[in-house]
Amino acid sequence: MRHRSVRGERGQATVEFAIVIPLLLLLVVGLFEFGKTFNYWLNLNHLANEGARWAAVDRVPGNQTPTGDDIKAYIRSQILTGELQTNVGSSGITLCFDGASPTQPQVGDAVTVALAAPNPIKLLSDVMNITIRGKATMRLEQAPTADKLAGWVKCAS
């Protein structure tokens, strides 16, 4: 029976730990960042849903006869004061209707609110350019009058 010397293996666990810990930390941070990005995506979808609802009923809190631009401003203010706290430019919010008339939405037409915002997580933004998108569609319950169509566009087919 031979006994092996343990002298040559001293510090092996420390070396293995030093090799594995960066990978584990990268995995944990990656999961955390993915979770936050997923949460931001859910928030954008919720805001798109809220905007589509306001457009469908032609009402916004504090404004009984909003234009499309008023609805966009309301959504933008919710993004800036909510968890996302990122600036969404004018091209980041789209309010469109899909109906027979190219210029005037009618009751029953689909109204779609689409949002696009840059990912506010700095770690991911530095590595890659990620845009988070949210979208919701509802049927118009009350069509906006012709003088309230500012900000509305016909949906692209």
C-alpha atoms as a PDB file:
ATOM      1  CA  MET A   1       0.000   0.000   0.000  1.00  0.00           C
ATOM      2  CA  ARG A   2       1.430   3.320  -1.038  1.00  0.00           C
ATOM      3  CA  HIS A   3       0.539   6.641   0.517  1.00  0.00           C
ATOM      4  CA  ARG A   4       0.433   9.604  -1.819  1.00  0.00           C
ATOM      5  CA  SER A   5       1.845  12.861  -0.699  1.00  0.00           C
ATOM      6  CA  VAL A   6      -0.773  15.596  -0.351  1.00  0.00           C
ATOM      7  CA  ARG A   7       1.849  18.281  -0.544  1.00  0.00           C
ATOM      8  CA  GLY A   8       1.551  18.717  -4.315  1.00  0.00           C
ATOM      9  CA  GLU A   9      -2.210  19.309  -4.110  1.00  0.00           C
ATOM     10  CA  ARG A  10      -2.144  22.095  -1.556  1.00  0.00           C
ATOM     11  CA  GLY A  11      -4.150  25.120  -2.799  1.00  0.00           C
ATOM     12  CA  GLN A  12      -5.940  23.183  -5.533  1.00  0.00           C
ATOM     13  CA  ALA A  13      -9.401  24.178  -4.272  1.00  0.00           C
ATOM     14  CA  THR A  14      -8.383  27.840  -4.191  1.00  0.00           C
ATOM     15  CA  VAL A  15      -7.197  27.720  -7.794  1.00  0.00           C
ATOM     16  CA  GLU A  16     -10.377  25.956  -8.927  1.00  0.00           C
ATOM     17  CA  PHE A  17     -12.489  28.499  -7.053  1.00  0.00           C
ATOM     18  CA  ALA A  18     -10.566  31.362  -8.688  1.00  0.00           C
ATOM     19  CA  ILE A  19     -11.277  29.853 -12.111  1.00  0.00           C
ATOM     20  CA  VAL A  20     -14.983  29.171 -11.508  1.00  0.00           C
ATOM     21  CA  ILE A  21     -16.068  32.297  -9.556  1.00  0.00           C
ATOM     22  CA  PRO A  22     -15.910  34.743 -12.526  1.00  0.00           C
ATOM     23  CA  LEU A  23     -18.156  32.429 -14.537  1.00  0.00           C
ATOM     24  CA  LEU A  24     -20.629  32.117 -11.672  1.00  0.00           C
ATOM     25  CA  LEU A  25     -20.702  35.880 -11.137  1.00  0.00           C
ATOM     26  CA  LEU A  26     -21.234  36.451 -14.859  1.00  0.00           C
ATOM     27  CA  LEU A  27     -24.145  34.010 -14.796  1.00  0.00           C
ATOM     28  CA  VAL A  28     -25.739  35.645 -11.739  1.00  0.00           C
ATOM     29  CA  VAL A  29     -25.349  39.182 -13.122  1.00  0.00           C
ATOM     30  CA  GLY A  30     -26.681  38.014 -16.506  1.00  0.00           C
ATOM     31  CA  LEU A  31     -29.784  36.525 -14.891  1.00  0.00           C
ATOM     32  CA  PHE A  32     -30.335  39.720 -12.917  1.00  0.00           C
ATOM     33  CA  GLU A  33     -30.012  41.895 -16.043  1.00  0.00           C
ATOM     34  CA  PHE A  34     -32.330  39.604 -18.023  1.00  0.00           C
ATOM     35  CA  GLY A  35     -34.925  39.822 -15.247  1.00  0.00           C
ATOM     36  CA  LYS A  36     -34.803  43.618 -15.198  1.00  0.00           C
ATOM     37  CA  THR A  37     -35.033  43.795 -18.999  1.00  0.00           C
ATOM     38  CA  PHE A  38     -38.019  41.426 -18.934  1.00  0.00           C
ATOM     39  CA  ASN A  39     -39.663  43.637 -16.297  1.00  0.00           C
ATOM     40  CA  TYR A  40     -39.110  46.733 -18.461  1.00  0.00           C
ATOM     41  CA  TRP A  41     -40.675  44.896 -21.413  1.00  0.00           C
ATOM     42  CA  LEU A  42     -43.719  44.078 -19.264  1.00  0.00           C
ATOM     43  CA  ASN A  43     -43.959  47.736 -18.206  1.00  0.00           C
ATOM     44  CA  LEU A  44     -43.859  48.919 -21.825  1.00  0.00           C
ATOM     45  CA  ASN A  45     -46.585  46.442 -22.774  1.00  0.00           C
ATOM     46  CA  HIS A  46     -48.676  47.658 -19.846  1.00  0.00           C
ATOM     47  CA  LEU A  47     -48.239  51.288 -20.927  1.00  0.00           C
ATOM     48  CA  ALA A  48     -49.095  50.379 -24.530  1.00  0.00           C
ATOM     49  CA  ASN A  49     -52.220  48.636 -23.238  1.00  0.00           C
ATOM     50  CA  GLU A  50     -53.132  51.673 -21.155  1.00  0.00           C
ATOM     51  CA  GLY A  51     -52.565  53.998 -24.115  1.00  0.00           C
ATOM     52  CA  ALA A  52     -54.665  51.801 -26.405  1.00  0.00           C
ATOM     53  CA  ARG A  53     -57.431  51.828 -23.815  1.00  0.00           C
ATOM     54  CA  TRP A  54     -57.365  55.619 -23.545  1.00  0.00           C
ATOM     55  CA  ALA A  55     -57.421  55.879 -27.342  1.00  0.00           C
ATOM     56  CA  ALA A  56     -60.273  53.357 -27.623  1.00  0.00           C
ATOM     57  CA  VAL A  57     -62.527  55.273 -25.232  1.00  0.00           C
ATOM     58  CA  ASP A  58     -61.243  58.692 -26.343  1.00  0.00           C
ATOM     59  CA  ARG A  59     -60.423  59.744 -22.790  1.00  0.00           C
ATOM     60  CA  VAL A  60     -57.235  60.529 -20.861  1.00  0.00           C
ATOM     61  CA  PRO A  61     -57.168  61.389 -17.142  1.00  0.00           C
ATOM     62  CA  GLY A  62     -57.558  65.130 -16.795  1.00  0.00           C
ATOM     63  CA  ASN A  63     -58.450  65.592 -20.483  1.00  0.00           C
ATOM     64  CA  GLN A  64     -61.926  64.619 -21.643  1.00  0.00           C
ATOM     65  CA  THR A  65     -61.300  65.177 -25.361  1.00  0.00           C
ATOM     66  CA  PRO A  66     -57.667  64.266 -26.068  1.00  0.00           C
ATOM     67  CA  THR A  67     -55.871  64.395 -29.370  1.00  0.00           C
ATOM     68  CA  GLY A  68     -53.518  61.614 -30.389  1.00  0.00           C
ATOM     69  CA  ASP A  69     -50.665  63.888 -29.310  1.00  0.00           C
ATOM     70  CA  ASP A  70     -52.256  64.199 -25.839  1.00  0.00           C
ATOM     71  CA  ILE A  71     -52.340  60.405 -25.531  1.00  0.00           C
ATOM     72  CA  LYS A  72     -48.684  60.212 -26.593  1.00  0.00           C
ATOM     73  CA  ALA A  73     -47.743  62.914 -24.072  1.00  0.00           C
ATOM     74  CA  TYR A  74     -49.566  61.006 -21.326  1.00  0.00           C
ATOM     75  CA  ILE A  75     -47.703  57.773 -22.170  1.00  0.00           C
ATOM     76  CA  ARG A  76     -44.373  59.640 -22.353  1.00  0.00           C
ATOM     77  CA  SER A  77     -44.982  61.197 -18.925  1.00  0.00           C
ATOM     78  CA  GLN A  78     -45.771  57.759 -17.475  1.00  0.00           C
ATOM     79  CA  ILE A  79     -42.519  56.380 -18.914  1.00  0.00           C
ATOM     80  CA  LEU A  80     -40.478  59.262 -17.499  1.00  0.00           C
ATOM     81  CA  THR A  81     -42.011  59.078 -14.016  1.00  0.00           C
ATOM     82  CA  GLY A  82     -42.312  55.292 -13.809  1.00  0.00           C
ATOM     83  CA  GLU A  83     -39.714  52.598 -13.372  1.00  0.00           C
ATOM     84  CA  LEU A  84     -38.235  52.931 -16.858  1.00  0.00           C
ATOM     85  CA  GLN A  85     -37.306  56.604 -16.494  1.00  0.00           C
ATOM     86  CA  THR A  86     -35.940  56.745 -20.008  1.00  0.00           C
ATOM     87  CA  ASN A  87     -36.561  59.343 -22.672  1.00  0.00           C
ATOM     88  CA  VAL A  88     -38.750  58.076 -25.484  1.00  0.00           C
ATOM     89  CA  GLY A  89     -38.557  60.322 -28.517  1.00  0.00           C
ATOM     90  CA  SER A  90     -41.497  61.228 -30.717  1.00  0.00           C
ATOM     91  CA  SER A  91     -40.736  58.278 -32.988  1.00  0.00           C
ATOM     92  CA  GLY A  92     -40.850  55.896 -30.002  1.00  0.00           C
ATOM     93  CA  ILE A  93     -44.639  56.135 -29.591  1.00  0.00           C
ATOM     94  CA  THR A  94     -46.946  55.257 -32.473  1.00  0.00           C
ATOM     95  CA  LEU A  95     -50.726  55.616 -32.309  1.00  0.00           C
ATOM     96  CA  CYS A  96     -52.430  54.219 -35.392  1.00  0.00           C
ATOM     97  CA  PHE A  97     -55.826  52.963 -36.509  1.00  0.00           C
ATOM     98  CA  ASP A  98     -56.692  50.268 -39.005  1.00  0.00           C
ATOM     99  CA  GLY A  99     -59.997  50.803 -40.706  1.00  0.00           C
ATOM    100  CA  ALA A 100     -61.703  51.367 -44.035  1.00  0.00           C
ATOM    101  CA  SER A 101     -61.235  55.132 -44.004  1.00  0.00           C
ATOM    102  CA  PRO A 102     -57.682  56.328 -44.641  1.00  0.00           C
ATOM    103  CA  THR A 103     -58.220  59.557 -42.695  1.00  0.00           C
ATOM    104  CA  GLN A 104     -60.954  59.058 -40.081  1.00  0.00           C
ATOM    105  CA  PRO A 105     -61.094  56.168 -37.593  1.00  0.00           C
ATOM    106  CA  GLN A 106     -64.562  54.726 -37.004  1.00  0.00           C
ATOM    107  CA  VAL A 107     -66.108  52.874 -34.063  1.00  0.00           C
ATOM    108  CA  GLY A 108     -64.955  49.249 -34.256  1.00  0.00           C
ATOM    109  CA  ASP A 109     -61.652  50.020 -35.987  1.00  0.00           C
ATOM    110  CA  ALA A 110     -58.553  48.586 -34.373  1.00  0.00           C
ATOM    111  CA  VAL A 111     -56.334  51.129 -32.644  1.00  0.00           C
ATOM    112  CA  THR A 112     -52.736  50.127 -31.977  1.00  0.00           C
ATOM    113  CA  VAL A 113     -50.233  51.738 -29.644  1.00  0.00           C
ATOM    114  CA  ALA A 114     -46.624  50.682 -30.221  1.00  0.00           C
ATOM    115  CA  LEU A 115     -43.770  51.795 -27.964  1.00  0.00           C
ATOM    116  CA  ALA A 116     -40.021  51.523 -28.438  1.00  0.00           C
ATOM    117  CA  ALA A 117     -37.560  52.536 -25.730  1.00  0.00           C
ATOM    118  CA  PRO A 118     -33.831  52.057 -25.292  1.00  0.00           C
ATOM    119  CA  ASN A 119     -32.863  49.588 -22.599  1.00  0.00           C
ATOM    120  CA  PRO A 120     -32.099  51.682 -19.495  1.00  0.00           C
ATOM    121  CA  ILE A 121     -29.745  49.044 -18.046  1.00  0.00           C
ATOM    122  CA  LYS A 122     -26.265  50.473 -18.470  1.00  0.00           C
ATOM    123  CA  LEU A 123     -24.391  47.166 -18.404  1.00  0.00           C
ATOM    124  CA  LEU A 124     -26.285  45.824 -21.412  1.00  0.00           C
ATOM    125  CA  SER A 125     -26.446  49.176 -23.194  1.00  0.00           C
ATOM    126  CA  ASP A 126     -22.659  49.460 -23.153  1.00  0.00           C
ATOM    127  CA  VAL A 127     -22.226  46.006 -24.666  1.00  0.00           C
ATOM    128  CA  MET A 128     -25.115  45.941 -27.140  1.00  0.00           C
ATOM    129  CA  ASN A 129     -27.825  48.264 -28.390  1.00  0.00           C
ATOM    130  CA  ILE A 130     -31.123  46.770 -27.201  1.00  0.00           C
ATOM    131  CA  THR A 131     -34.485  48.372 -27.917  1.00  0.00           C
ATOM    132  CA  ILE A 132     -37.415  47.214 -25.810  1.00  0.00           C
ATOM    133  CA  ARG A 133     -40.788  47.226 -27.576  1.00  0.00           C
ATOM    134  CA  GLY A 134     -44.358  47.083 -26.309  1.00  0.00           C
ATOM    135  CA  LYS A 135     -47.550  46.877 -28.352  1.00  0.00           C
ATOM    136  CA  ALA A 136     -51.294  46.699 -27.694  1.00  0.00           C
ATOM    137  CA  THR A 137     -54.364  46.736 -29.938  1.00  0.00           C
ATOM    138  CA  MET A 138     -57.991  47.461 -29.011  1.00  0.00           C
ATOM    139  CA  ARG A 139     -61.217  48.304 -30.821  1.00  0.00           C
ATOM    140  CA  LEU A 140     -62.415  51.907 -30.866  1.00  0.00           C
ATOM    141  CA  GLU A 141     -65.468  52.378 -28.679  1.00  0.00           C
ATOM    142  CA  GLN A 142     -65.727  56.074 -29.442  1.00  0.00           C
ATOM    143  CA  ALA A 143     -64.150  57.547 -32.557  1.00  0.00           C
ATOM    144  CA  PRO A 144     -62.216  60.794 -32.177  1.00  0.00           C
ATOM    145  CA  THR A 145     -63.625  63.808 -33.956  1.00  0.00           C
ATOM    146  CA  ALA A 146     -61.787  65.240 -36.953  1.00  0.00           C
ATOM    147  CA  ASP A 147     -60.265  68.066 -34.881  1.00  0.00           C
ATOM    148  CA  LYS A 148     -58.725  65.522 -32.450  1.00  0.00           C
ATOM    149  CA  LEU A 149     -56.760  63.473 -35.003  1.00  0.00           C
ATOM    150  CA  ALA A 150     -53.382  65.151 -34.401  1.00  0.00           C
ATOM    151  CA  GLY A 151     -50.932  62.354 -33.677  1.00  0.00           C
ATOM    152  CA  TRP A 152     -53.017  59.580 -35.254  1.00  0.00           C
ATOM    153  CA  VAL A 153     -51.809  57.778 -38.378  1.00  0.00           C
ATOM    154  CA  LYS A 154     -53.200  55.001 -40.538  1.00  0.00           C
ATOM    155  CA  CYS A 155     -51.519  51.679 -39.661  1.00  0.00           C
ATOM    156  CA  ALA A 156     -49.201  50.336 -42.328  1.00  0.00           C
ATOM    157  CA  SER A 157     -50.571  47.188 -43.909  1.00  0.00           C
END
